Amino acid sequence: MVDSVLKLLERATNQTAAVIATIRSEQARLPTPCADWDVESLVRHLVTQDLPHFMVSARGETPDWTSPPGALRTDWAQQFLEGAQLLLGIWADADLERPVPMPGGGQGPLRLRADHQITELTVHSWDLARATSAAVDLDSTLAEHALAWSRGMLKPEFRGPDRAFDREIPVPQDSSAYDRLAGWLVWS
Protein backbone atom coordinates (compact mmCIF):
# COMPACT_ATOMS: atom_id res chain seq x y z
CA MET A 1 0.00 0.00 0.00
CA VAL A 2 2.78 2.43 0.91
CA ASP A 3 4.52 1.72 -2.40
CA SER A 4 1.27 2.36 -4.26
CA VAL A 5 0.87 5.78 -2.59
CA LEU A 6 4.29 6.82 -3.85
CA LYS A 7 3.48 5.48 -7.33
CA LEU A 8 0.25 7.51 -7.30
CA LEU A 9 2.18 10.59 -6.21
CA GLU A 10 4.58 10.09 -9.11
CA ARG A 11 1.64 9.69 -11.48
CA ALA A 12 0.11 12.90 -10.08
CA THR A 13 3.34 14.85 -10.59
CA ASN A 14 3.70 13.44 -14.12
CA GLN A 15 0.10 14.35 -14.96
CA THR A 16 0.52 17.88 -13.64
CA ALA A 17 3.76 18.29 -15.57
CA ALA A 18 2.06 17.08 -18.75
CA VAL A 19 -0.75 19.60 -18.35
CA ILE A 20 1.63 22.47 -17.59
CA ALA A 21 3.70 21.54 -20.66
CA THR A 22 0.66 22.13 -22.90
CA ILE A 23 0.06 25.69 -21.70
CA ARG A 24 0.82 28.35 -24.29
CA SER A 25 1.96 31.82 -23.24
CA GLU A 26 -1.25 33.43 -24.56
CA GLN A 27 -3.23 31.26 -22.10
CA ALA A 28 -1.56 32.76 -19.00
CA ARG A 29 -4.45 35.12 -18.20
CA LEU A 30 -7.29 32.65 -18.79
CA PRO A 31 -9.54 32.15 -15.75
CA THR A 32 -9.44 28.82 -13.93
CA PRO A 33 -12.10 27.09 -11.83
CA CYS A 34 -10.16 28.48 -8.84
CA ALA A 35 -11.94 31.83 -8.52
CA ASP A 36 -8.95 33.92 -7.49
CA TRP A 37 -6.39 32.46 -9.92
CA ASP A 38 -5.79 32.74 -13.61
CA VAL A 39 -3.66 30.08 -15.32
CA GLU A 40 -0.34 31.75 -14.51
CA SER A 41 -1.32 32.31 -10.86
CA LEU A 42 -2.32 28.67 -10.46
CA VAL A 43 0.92 27.45 -12.05
CA ARG A 44 2.85 29.82 -9.75
CA HIS A 45 0.96 28.36 -6.78
CA LEU A 46 1.82 24.79 -7.81
CA VAL A 47 5.46 25.45 -8.64
CA THR A 48 6.52 27.99 -6.01
CA GLN A 49 4.21 27.23 -3.10
CA ASP A 50 2.89 23.68 -3.28
CA LEU A 51 6.09 21.91 -4.28
CA PRO A 52 8.31 23.66 -1.68
CA HIS A 53 5.64 23.17 1.01
CA PHE A 54 5.21 19.54 -0.01
CA MET A 55 8.96 18.99 0.43
CA VAL A 56 8.84 20.38 3.96
CA SER A 57 5.77 18.27 4.67
CA ALA A 58 7.41 15.10 3.26
CA ARG A 59 10.24 15.58 5.76
CA GLY A 60 7.65 15.46 8.55
CA GLU A 61 7.89 19.17 9.27
CA THR A 62 5.10 21.75 9.16
CA PRO A 63 5.23 24.17 6.23
CA ASP A 64 4.14 27.78 6.46
CA TRP A 65 1.08 27.55 4.21
CA THR A 66 0.64 31.32 4.39
CA SER A 67 3.99 32.15 2.77
CA PRO A 68 3.70 34.14 -0.47
CA PRO A 69 4.44 32.58 -3.85
CA GLY A 70 7.97 32.71 -5.21
CA ALA A 71 9.32 33.62 -8.62
CA LEU A 72 7.99 31.70 -11.60
CA ARG A 73 10.48 31.27 -14.43
CA THR A 74 9.43 31.35 -18.07
CA ASP A 75 9.98 27.60 -18.44
CA TRP A 76 7.06 26.58 -16.23
CA ALA A 77 7.07 22.90 -17.13
CA GLN A 78 10.81 22.52 -16.50
CA GLN A 79 10.59 24.40 -13.19
CA PHE A 80 7.72 22.13 -12.12
CA LEU A 81 9.62 18.97 -13.16
CA GLU A 82 12.71 20.04 -11.20
CA GLY A 83 10.65 20.59 -8.05
CA ALA A 84 8.67 17.38 -8.56
CA GLN A 85 11.87 15.33 -8.84
CA LEU A 86 13.18 16.83 -5.60
CA LEU A 87 9.86 16.06 -3.91
CA LEU A 88 9.81 12.46 -5.12
CA GLY A 89 13.40 12.02 -3.92
CA ILE A 90 12.45 13.16 -0.42
CA TRP A 91 9.49 10.78 -0.37
CA ALA A 92 11.65 7.87 -1.58
CA ASP A 93 13.79 8.25 1.56
CA ALA A 94 10.92 8.91 3.98
CA ASP A 95 9.60 6.62 6.72
CA LEU A 96 5.98 6.70 5.60
CA GLU A 97 4.65 5.17 8.80
CA ARG A 98 6.34 7.75 11.07
CA PRO A 99 3.72 9.56 13.18
CA VAL A 100 3.46 13.27 12.40
CA PRO A 101 1.06 16.06 13.40
CA MET A 102 -2.03 16.30 11.21
CA PRO A 103 -4.11 19.37 10.29
CA GLY A 104 -6.88 19.85 12.79
CA GLY A 105 -4.91 18.06 15.50
CA GLY A 106 -3.80 14.57 16.33
CA GLN A 107 -1.18 12.36 14.76
CA GLY A 108 -1.17 10.22 11.66
CA PRO A 109 1.32 8.37 9.51
CA LEU A 110 3.48 10.53 7.24
CA ARG A 111 1.98 8.78 4.17
CA LEU A 112 -1.28 10.69 4.72
CA ARG A 113 0.62 13.80 3.70
CA ALA A 114 1.42 12.09 0.38
CA ASP A 115 -2.33 11.51 -0.07
CA HIS A 116 -2.89 15.23 0.47
CA GLN A 117 -0.29 16.03 -2.18
CA ILE A 118 -1.84 13.58 -4.65
CA THR A 119 -5.18 15.29 -4.10
CA GLU A 120 -3.84 18.81 -4.53
CA LEU A 121 -1.92 17.95 -7.70
CA THR A 122 -4.83 15.99 -9.15
CA VAL A 123 -7.46 18.67 -8.65
CA HIS A 124 -5.17 21.46 -9.88
CA SER A 125 -4.13 19.51 -12.97
CA TRP A 126 -7.87 19.25 -13.74
CA ASP A 127 -8.28 22.99 -13.07
CA LEU A 128 -5.49 23.82 -15.55
CA ALA A 129 -6.66 21.31 -18.15
CA ARG A 130 -10.17 22.70 -17.96
CA ALA A 131 -9.00 26.33 -18.18
CA THR A 132 -6.75 25.71 -21.18
CA SER A 133 -8.66 22.89 -22.92
CA ALA A 134 -5.47 20.83 -22.68
CA ALA A 135 -5.51 17.66 -24.74
CA VAL A 136 -4.27 15.50 -21.86
CA ASP A 137 -6.01 12.31 -20.76
CA LEU A 138 -6.43 12.77 -17.04
CA ASP A 139 -5.89 9.66 -14.91
CA SER A 140 -9.24 8.68 -13.36
CA THR A 141 -7.47 6.51 -10.77
CA LEU A 142 -5.89 9.67 -9.36
CA ALA A 143 -9.25 11.40 -9.14
CA GLU A 144 -10.89 8.38 -7.45
CA HIS A 145 -8.01 8.21 -4.94
CA ALA A 146 -8.17 11.95 -4.26
CA LEU A 147 -11.92 11.84 -3.84
CA ALA A 148 -11.82 8.87 -1.44
CA TRP A 149 -9.03 10.39 0.64
CA SER A 150 -10.54 13.88 0.79
CA ARG A 151 -13.99 12.55 1.70
CA GLY A 152 -12.37 10.94 4.73
CA MET A 153 -10.34 13.99 5.70
CA LEU A 154 -12.43 17.06 4.89
CA LYS A 155 -14.52 17.59 8.00
CA PRO A 156 -17.67 19.76 8.04
CA GLU A 157 -15.97 22.40 10.19
CA PHE A 158 -13.57 23.14 7.31
CA ARG A 159 -16.47 23.97 4.94
CA GLY A 160 -18.58 27.06 4.46
CA PRO A 161 -18.17 30.84 4.34
CA ASP A 162 -14.78 32.06 5.52
CA ARG A 163 -13.40 28.51 5.47
CA ALA A 164 -10.86 26.85 3.17
CA PHE A 165 -13.62 24.98 1.32
CA ASP A 166 -17.12 25.97 0.36
CA ARG A 167 -20.08 23.63 0.52
CA GLU A 168 -20.12 20.67 -1.85
CA ILE A 169 -21.74 21.20 -5.24
CA PRO A 170 -23.96 18.18 -5.87
CA VAL A 171 -22.85 16.23 -8.94
CA PRO A 172 -24.64 13.14 -10.30
CA GLN A 173 -22.97 9.93 -9.10
CA ASP A 174 -22.51 8.76 -12.69
CA SER A 175 -20.40 11.86 -13.47
CA SER A 176 -16.69 11.45 -14.13
CA ALA A 177 -14.37 11.09 -11.16
CA TYR A 178 -12.94 14.53 -11.93
CA ASP A 179 -16.37 16.18 -12.00
CA ARG A 180 -17.22 14.54 -8.66
CA LEU A 181 -13.87 15.64 -7.23
CA ALA A 182 -14.39 19.22 -8.44
CA GLY A 183 -17.88 19.25 -6.91
CA TRP A 184 -16.50 18.01 -3.60
CA LEU A 185 -13.42 20.24 -3.35
CA VAL A 186 -14.95 23.66 -3.87
CA TRP A 187 -12.45 26.31 -2.74
CA SER A 188 -13.85 29.32 -0.88
C-alpha atoms as a PDB file:
ATOM      1  CA  MET A   1       0.000   0.000   0.000  1.00  0.00           C
ATOM      2  CA  VAL A   2       2.781   2.433   0.908  1.00  0.00           C
ATOM      3  CA  ASP A   3       4.518   1.723  -2.403  1.00  0.00           C
ATOM      4  CA  SER A   4       1.266   2.358  -4.256  1.00  0.00           C
ATOM      5  CA  VAL A   5       0.867   5.779  -2.587  1.00  0.00           C
ATOM      6  CA  LEU A   6       4.289   6.818  -3.854  1.00  0.00           C
ATOM      7  CA  LYS A   7       3.481   5.475  -7.326  1.00  0.00           C
ATOM      8  CA  LEU A   8       0.252   7.505  -7.296  1.00  0.00           C
ATOM      9  CA  LEU A   9       2.183  10.592  -6.211  1.00  0.00           C
ATOM     10  CA  GLU A  10       4.585  10.088  -9.112  1.00  0.00           C
ATOM     11  CA  ARG A  11       1.637   9.686 -11.485  1.00  0.00           C
ATOM     12  CA  ALA A  12       0.111  12.895 -10.084  1.00  0.00           C
ATOM     13  CA  THR A  13       3.336  14.852 -10.595  1.00  0.00           C
ATOM     14  CA  ASN A  14       3.696  13.440 -14.124  1.00  0.00           C
ATOM     15  CA  GLN A  15       0.105  14.354 -14.958  1.00  0.00           C
ATOM     16  CA  THR A  16       0.519  17.882 -13.635  1.00  0.00           C
ATOM     17  CA  ALA A  17       3.765  18.291 -15.572  1.00  0.00           C
ATOM     18  CA  ALA A  18       2.055  17.077 -18.748  1.00  0.00           C
ATOM     19  CA  VAL A  19      -0.751  19.603 -18.350  1.00  0.00           C
ATOM     20  CA  ILE A  20       1.628  22.474 -17.595  1.00  0.00           C
ATOM     21  CA  ALA A  21       3.703  21.537 -20.656  1.00  0.00           C
ATOM     22  CA  THR A  22       0.664  22.127 -22.902  1.00  0.00           C
ATOM     23  CA  ILE A  23       0.057  25.686 -21.705  1.00  0.00           C
ATOM     24  CA  ARG A  24       0.816  28.350 -24.293  1.00  0.00           C
ATOM     25  CA  SER A  25       1.963  31.821 -23.244  1.00  0.00           C
ATOM     26  CA  GLU A  26      -1.247  33.428 -24.559  1.00  0.00           C
ATOM     27  CA  GLN A  27      -3.231  31.260 -22.097  1.00  0.00           C
ATOM     28  CA  ALA A  28      -1.559  32.759 -19.001  1.00  0.00           C
ATOM     29  CA  ARG A  29      -4.447  35.120 -18.201  1.00  0.00           C
ATOM     30  CA  LEU A  30      -7.292  32.647 -18.787  1.00  0.00           C
ATOM     31  CA  PRO A  31      -9.544  32.153 -15.754  1.00  0.00           C
ATOM     32  CA  THR A  32      -9.436  28.817 -13.930  1.00  0.00           C
ATOM     33  CA  PRO A  33     -12.104  27.092 -11.835  1.00  0.00           C
ATOM     34  CA  CYS A  34     -10.161  28.478  -8.838  1.00  0.00           C
ATOM     35  CA  ALA A  35     -11.937  31.829  -8.524  1.00  0.00           C
ATOM     36  CA  ASP A  36      -8.948  33.922  -7.491  1.00  0.00           C
ATOM     37  CA  TRP A  37      -6.391  32.457  -9.919  1.00  0.00           C
ATOM     38  CA  ASP A  38      -5.793  32.737 -13.612  1.00  0.00           C
ATOM     39  CA  VAL A  39      -3.658  30.079 -15.321  1.00  0.00           C
ATOM     40  CA  GLU A  40      -0.340  31.748 -14.509  1.00  0.00           C
ATOM     41  CA  SER A  41      -1.324  32.313 -10.857  1.00  0.00           C
ATOM     42  CA  LEU A  42      -2.321  28.672 -10.465  1.00  0.00           C
ATOM     43  CA  VAL A  43       0.921  27.454 -12.048  1.00  0.00           C
ATOM     44  CA  ARG A  44       2.846  29.824  -9.749  1.00  0.00           C
ATOM     45  CA  HIS A  45       0.956  28.357  -6.779  1.00  0.00           C
ATOM     46  CA  LEU A  46       1.816  24.791  -7.809  1.00  0.00           C
ATOM     47  CA  VAL A  47       5.460  25.446  -8.640  1.00  0.00           C
ATOM     48  CA  THR A  48       6.523  27.990  -6.015  1.00  0.00           C
ATOM     49  CA  GLN A  49       4.207  27.232  -3.103  1.00  0.00           C
ATOM     50  CA  ASP A  50       2.888  23.681  -3.283  1.00  0.00           C
ATOM     51  CA  LEU A  51       6.086  21.909  -4.279  1.00  0.00           C
ATOM     52  CA  PRO A  52       8.313  23.658  -1.683  1.00  0.00           C
ATOM     53  CA  HIS A  53       5.643  23.168   1.012  1.00  0.00           C
ATOM     54  CA  PHE A  54       5.214  19.541  -0.013  1.00  0.00           C
ATOM     55  CA  MET A  55       8.960  18.989   0.427  1.00  0.00           C
ATOM     56  CA  VAL A  56       8.843  20.384   3.963  1.00  0.00           C
ATOM     57  CA  SER A  57       5.769  18.265   4.671  1.00  0.00           C
ATOM     58  CA  ALA A  58       7.409  15.102   3.264  1.00  0.00           C
ATOM     59  CA  ARG A  59      10.240  15.581   5.763  1.00  0.00           C
ATOM     60  CA  GLY A  60       7.646  15.457   8.554  1.00  0.00           C
ATOM     61  CA  GLU A  61       7.890  19.167   9.272  1.00  0.00           C
ATOM     62  CA  THR A  62       5.099  21.750   9.163  1.00  0.00           C
ATOM     63  CA  PRO A  63       5.232  24.168   6.231  1.00  0.00           C
ATOM     64  CA  ASP A  64       4.145  27.785   6.458  1.00  0.00           C
ATOM     65  CA  TRP A  65       1.081  27.546   4.208  1.00  0.00           C
ATOM     66  CA  THR A  66       0.640  31.322   4.390  1.00  0.00           C
ATOM     67  CA  SER A  67       3.990  32.146   2.772  1.00  0.00           C
ATOM     68  CA  PRO A  68       3.696  34.136  -0.469  1.00  0.00           C
ATOM     69  CA  PRO A  69       4.439  32.585  -3.852  1.00  0.00           C
ATOM     70  CA  GLY A  70       7.969  32.709  -5.213  1.00  0.00           C
ATOM     71  CA  ALA A  71       9.316  33.617  -8.624  1.00  0.00           C
ATOM     72  CA  LEU A  72       7.991  31.701 -11.597  1.00  0.00           C
ATOM     73  CA  ARG A  73      10.476  31.270 -14.431  1.00  0.00           C
ATOM     74  CA  THR A  74       9.425  31.354 -18.072  1.00  0.00           C
ATOM     75  CA  ASP A  75       9.979  27.595 -18.442  1.00  0.00           C
ATOM     76  CA  TRP A  76       7.060  26.576 -16.226  1.00  0.00           C
ATOM     77  CA  ALA A  77       7.075  22.900 -17.125  1.00  0.00           C
ATOM     78  CA  GLN A  78      10.811  22.524 -16.496  1.00  0.00           C
ATOM     79  CA  GLN A  79      10.593  24.398 -13.191  1.00  0.00           C
ATOM     80  CA  PHE A  80       7.725  22.135 -12.116  1.00  0.00           C
ATOM     81  CA  LEU A  81       9.619  18.975 -13.158  1.00  0.00           C
ATOM     82  CA  GLU A  82      12.710  20.037 -11.202  1.00  0.00           C
ATOM     83  CA  GLY A  83      10.647  20.590  -8.050  1.00  0.00           C
ATOM     84  CA  ALA A  84       8.673  17.382  -8.561  1.00  0.00           C
ATOM     85  CA  GLN A  85      11.874  15.327  -8.838  1.00  0.00           C
ATOM     86  CA  LEU A  86      13.184  16.830  -5.596  1.00  0.00           C
ATOM     87  CA  LEU A  87       9.859  16.058  -3.912  1.00  0.00           C
ATOM     88  CA  LEU A  88       9.807  12.455  -5.122  1.00  0.00           C
ATOM     89  CA  GLY A  89      13.404  12.019  -3.920  1.00  0.00           C
ATOM     90  CA  ILE A  90      12.452  13.160  -0.421  1.00  0.00           C
ATOM     91  CA  TRP A  91       9.488  10.776  -0.369  1.00  0.00           C
ATOM     92  CA  ALA A  92      11.651   7.873  -1.580  1.00  0.00           C
ATOM     93  CA  ASP A  93      13.788   8.248   1.555  1.00  0.00           C
ATOM     94  CA  ALA A  94      10.921   8.906   3.984  1.00  0.00           C
ATOM     95  CA  ASP A  95       9.602   6.621   6.716  1.00  0.00           C
ATOM     96  CA  LEU A  96       5.977   6.700   5.597  1.00  0.00           C
ATOM     97  CA  GLU A  97       4.653   5.169   8.805  1.00  0.00           C
ATOM     98  CA  ARG A  98       6.341   7.747  11.071  1.00  0.00           C
ATOM     99  CA  PRO A  99       3.722   9.557  13.177  1.00  0.00           C
ATOM    100  CA  VAL A 100       3.456  13.269  12.398  1.00  0.00           C
ATOM    101  CA  PRO A 101       1.057  16.061  13.398  1.00  0.00           C
ATOM    102  CA  MET A 102      -2.027  16.296  11.210  1.00  0.00           C
ATOM    103  CA  PRO A 103      -4.106  19.369  10.286  1.00  0.00           C
ATOM    104  CA  GLY A 104      -6.881  19.851  12.788  1.00  0.00           C
ATOM    105  CA  GLY A 105      -4.908  18.057  15.504  1.00  0.00           C
ATOM    106  CA  GLY A 106      -3.804  14.572  16.326  1.00  0.00           C
ATOM    107  CA  GLN A 107      -1.180  12.361  14.762  1.00  0.00           C
ATOM    108  CA  GLY A 108      -1.170  10.219  11.664  1.00  0.00           C
ATOM    109  CA  PRO A 109       1.324   8.374   9.506  1.00  0.00           C
ATOM    110  CA  LEU A 110       3.476  10.532   7.235  1.00  0.00           C
ATOM    111  CA  ARG A 111       1.975   8.779   4.173  1.00  0.00           C
ATOM    112  CA  LEU A 112      -1.281  10.692   4.720  1.00  0.00           C
ATOM    113  CA  ARG A 113       0.620  13.796   3.697  1.00  0.00           C
ATOM    114  CA  ALA A 114       1.415  12.089   0.381  1.00  0.00           C
ATOM    115  CA  ASP A 115      -2.331  11.515  -0.065  1.00  0.00           C
ATOM    116  CA  HIS A 116      -2.889  15.227   0.473  1.00  0.00           C
ATOM    117  CA  GLN A 117      -0.288  16.026  -2.175  1.00  0.00           C
ATOM    118  CA  ILE A 118      -1.842  13.581  -4.654  1.00  0.00           C
ATOM    119  CA  THR A 119      -5.183  15.287  -4.102  1.00  0.00           C
ATOM    120  CA  GLU A 120      -3.837  18.813  -4.534  1.00  0.00           C
ATOM    121  CA  LEU A 121      -1.925  17.951  -7.700  1.00  0.00           C
ATOM    122  CA  THR A 122      -4.830  15.987  -9.149  1.00  0.00           C
ATOM    123  CA  VAL A 123      -7.457  18.669  -8.648  1.00  0.00           C
ATOM    124  CA  HIS A 124      -5.170  21.463  -9.876  1.00  0.00           C
ATOM    125  CA  SER A 125      -4.133  19.510 -12.974  1.00  0.00           C
ATOM    126  CA  TRP A 126      -7.872  19.252 -13.739  1.00  0.00           C
ATOM    127  CA  ASP A 127      -8.283  22.995 -13.075  1.00  0.00           C
ATOM    128  CA  LEU A 128      -5.495  23.825 -15.545  1.00  0.00           C
ATOM    129  CA  ALA A 129      -6.662  21.314 -18.147  1.00  0.00           C
ATOM    130  CA  ARG A 130     -10.169  22.704 -17.962  1.00  0.00           C
ATOM    131  CA  ALA A 131      -9.002  26.330 -18.179  1.00  0.00           C
ATOM    132  CA  THR A 132      -6.752  25.714 -21.183  1.00  0.00           C
ATOM    133  CA  SER A 133      -8.663  22.891 -22.922  1.00  0.00           C
ATOM    134  CA  ALA A 134      -5.470  20.835 -22.678  1.00  0.00           C
ATOM    135  CA  ALA A 135      -5.510  17.659 -24.736  1.00  0.00           C
ATOM    136  CA  VAL A 136      -4.274  15.503 -21.859  1.00  0.00           C
ATOM    137  CA  ASP A 137      -6.009  12.311 -20.757  1.00  0.00           C
ATOM    138  CA  LEU A 138      -6.430  12.774 -17.036  1.00  0.00           C
ATOM    139  CA  ASP A 139      -5.894   9.661 -14.907  1.00  0.00           C
ATOM    140  CA  SER A 140      -9.240   8.680 -13.361  1.00  0.00           C
ATOM    141  CA  THR A 141      -7.466   6.508 -10.769  1.00  0.00           C
ATOM    142  CA  LEU A 142      -5.888   9.668  -9.357  1.00  0.00           C
ATOM    143  CA  ALA A 143      -9.253  11.401  -9.143  1.00  0.00           C
ATOM    144  CA  GLU A 144     -10.889   8.381  -7.447  1.00  0.00           C
ATOM    145  CA  HIS A 145      -8.015   8.209  -4.938  1.00  0.00           C
ATOM    146  CA  ALA A 146      -8.168  11.950  -4.263  1.00  0.00           C
ATOM    147  CA  LEU A 147     -11.925  11.839  -3.837  1.00  0.00           C
ATOM    148  CA  ALA A 148     -11.816   8.871  -1.441  1.00  0.00           C
ATOM    149  CA  TRP A 149      -9.030  10.391   0.636  1.00  0.00           C
ATOM    150  CA  SER A 150     -10.537  13.878   0.792  1.00  0.00           C
ATOM    151  CA  ARG A 151     -13.990  12.546   1.700  1.00  0.00           C
ATOM    152  CA  GLY A 152     -12.371  10.937   4.732  1.00  0.00           C
ATOM    153  CA  MET A 153     -10.336  13.992   5.699  1.00  0.00           C
ATOM    154  CA  LEU A 154     -12.434  17.059   4.889  1.00  0.00           C
ATOM    155  CA  LYS A 155     -14.518  17.585   7.997  1.00  0.00           C
ATOM    156  CA  PRO A 156     -17.671  19.760   8.038  1.00  0.00           C
ATOM    157  CA  GLU A 157     -15.971  22.400  10.193  1.00  0.00           C
ATOM    158  CA  PHE A 158     -13.572  23.135   7.309  1.00  0.00           C
ATOM    159  CA  ARG A 159     -16.472  23.970   4.937  1.00  0.00           C
ATOM    160  CA  GLY A 160     -18.580  27.061   4.464  1.00  0.00           C
ATOM    161  CA  PRO A 161     -18.175  30.838   4.339  1.00  0.00           C
ATOM    162  CA  ASP A 162     -14.776  32.060   5.517  1.00  0.00           C
ATOM    163  CA  ARG A 163     -13.397  28.508   5.470  1.00  0.00           C
ATOM    164  CA  ALA A 164     -10.863  26.851   3.166  1.00  0.00           C
ATOM    165  CA  PHE A 165     -13.622  24.978   1.315  1.00  0.00           C
ATOM    166  CA  ASP A 166     -17.117  25.971   0.357  1.00  0.00           C
ATOM    167  CA  ARG A 167     -20.077  23.633   0.515  1.00  0.00           C
ATOM    168  CA  GLU A 168     -20.122  20.671  -1.849  1.00  0.00           C
ATOM    169  CA  ILE A 169     -21.737  21.205  -5.236  1.00  0.00           C
ATOM    170  CA  PRO A 170     -23.963  18.183  -5.870  1.00  0.00           C
ATOM    171  CA  VAL A 171     -22.850  16.231  -8.940  1.00  0.00           C
ATOM    172  CA  PRO A 172     -24.638  13.141 -10.296  1.00  0.00           C
ATOM    173  CA  GLN A 173     -22.968   9.932  -9.098  1.00  0.00           C
ATOM    174  CA  ASP A 174     -22.510   8.758 -12.686  1.00  0.00           C
ATOM    175  CA  SER A 175     -20.404  11.856 -13.474  1.00  0.00           C
ATOM    176  CA  SER A 176     -16.687  11.449 -14.131  1.00  0.00           C
ATOM    177  CA  ALA A 177     -14.373  11.085 -11.158  1.00  0.00           C
ATOM    178  CA  TYR A 178     -12.942  14.534 -11.933  1.00  0.00           C
ATOM    179  CA  ASP A 179     -16.365  16.179 -11.996  1.00  0.00           C
ATOM    180  CA  ARG A 180     -17.224  14.542  -8.659  1.00  0.00           C
ATOM    181  CA  LEU A 181     -13.869  15.639  -7.230  1.00  0.00           C
ATOM    182  CA  ALA A 182     -14.392  19.220  -8.440  1.00  0.00           C
ATOM    183  CA  GLY A 183     -17.876  19.255  -6.910  1.00  0.00           C
ATOM    184  CA  TRP A 184     -16.505  18.009  -3.601  1.00  0.00           C
ATOM    185  CA  LEU A 185     -13.420  20.245  -3.352  1.00  0.00           C
ATOM    186  CA  VAL A 186     -14.950  23.657  -3.870  1.00  0.00           C
ATOM    187  CA  TRP A 187     -12.454  26.306  -2.735  1.00  0.00           C
ATOM    188  CA  SER A 188     -13.852  29.318  -0.884  1.00  0.00           C
END
